[in-house]
Protein backbone atom coordinates (compact mmCIF):
# COMPACT_ATOMS: atom_id res chain seq x y z
CA MET A 1 107.18 87.01 99.38
CA ALA A 2 104.46 89.02 97.59
CA ASP A 3 105.37 91.60 94.97
CA ALA A 4 103.39 94.58 96.31
CA GLY A 5 104.38 96.73 93.33
CA ARG A 6 102.96 94.35 90.73
CA LYS A 7 99.81 95.56 88.96
CA ALA A 8 96.47 93.78 89.18
CA ASP A 9 95.78 90.96 86.75
CA VAL A 10 92.14 92.07 86.56
CA GLU A 11 90.76 95.56 87.14
CA ILE A 12 87.16 96.74 86.75
CA VAL A 13 86.31 100.43 87.12
CA ALA A 14 82.76 101.75 86.87
CA SER A 15 81.18 105.13 87.60
CA ALA A 16 77.74 106.68 87.48
CA SER A 17 76.20 110.09 88.10
CA ALA A 18 72.64 111.33 88.43
CA ASP A 19 70.78 114.57 89.00
CA GLU A 20 68.53 112.78 91.53
CA LEU A 21 68.63 109.41 93.24
CA ARG A 22 66.17 107.90 95.74
CA PHE A 23 66.18 104.52 97.49
CA ASP A 24 62.86 102.97 98.56
CA ALA A 25 64.73 100.38 100.65
CA GLN A 26 68.24 99.74 101.92
CA PRO A 27 70.13 98.10 99.01
CA GLU A 28 71.84 94.72 99.44
CA VAL A 29 75.24 94.91 97.78
CA GLN A 30 77.84 92.14 97.52
CA VAL A 31 81.14 91.80 95.73
CA ARG A 32 82.55 88.29 95.48
CA PHE A 33 85.74 86.97 93.98
CA PRO A 34 84.88 83.36 92.99
CA GLY A 35 87.31 80.92 91.47
CA THR A 36 90.27 78.88 92.51
CA GLY A 37 93.78 79.80 93.49
CA LYS A 38 95.17 82.37 95.86
CA ARG A 39 94.60 86.01 95.04
CA ASP A 40 94.86 89.50 96.49
CA SER A 41 91.52 91.23 95.77
CA HIS A 42 90.22 94.66 96.76
CA GLN A 43 87.25 96.96 96.20
CA VAL A 44 87.32 100.73 96.71
CA THR A 45 84.14 102.79 96.32
CA GLU A 46 83.90 106.60 96.26
CA ARG A 47 80.56 108.40 96.69
CA GLN A 48 79.64 112.05 96.46
CA ASN A 49 76.40 113.45 97.94
CA VAL A 50 75.18 110.00 99.07
CA ASP A 51 75.06 108.85 102.72
CA SER A 52 76.74 105.61 103.74
CA PRO A 53 74.60 103.73 104.47
CA VAL A 54 71.89 105.30 102.34
CA ARG A 55 68.67 106.49 103.98
CA PRO A 56 65.54 104.98 102.38
CA GLY A 57 63.07 107.67 101.34
CA LYS A 58 65.68 110.42 101.09
CA THR A 59 66.25 112.05 97.70
CA TYR A 60 69.93 112.65 96.95
CA ARG A 61 70.86 115.32 94.42
CA ARG A 62 73.86 115.68 92.09
CA VAL A 63 75.26 112.28 93.03
CA PHE A 64 78.33 110.45 91.81
CA ALA A 65 79.71 106.99 92.57
CA ARG A 66 82.80 105.18 91.36
CA THR A 67 84.02 101.71 92.26
CA ARG A 68 87.34 100.05 91.49
CA ILE A 69 87.68 96.29 91.86
CA THR A 70 91.11 94.68 91.46
CA SER A 71 92.43 91.16 91.76
CA ARG A 72 95.99 89.93 91.52
CA LEU A 73 96.74 86.22 91.21
CA LEU A 74 99.29 84.93 93.70
CA GLU A 75 101.62 82.14 92.65
CA ASP A 76 101.84 79.25 95.12
CA GLY A 77 105.17 79.10 96.86
CA LEU A 78 106.19 82.60 95.72
CA ASP A 79 103.68 84.77 97.64
């Protein structure tokens, strides 16, 4: 059975802010978790003042984005 209370083995947190942001085209974004073995991986992204999905040609002002990527290795036979 999985230990839901156990912390992630790997955690990456990144954030960015800008006075203005403009996309000429719809961005292509991917997050992958390569490697071997079983794992429990998640990504959570928070945006402020940016549409989801973004609108090409629109200028966004006073923007902020933060993403948190976590991965927890699962032991065979235990999880």
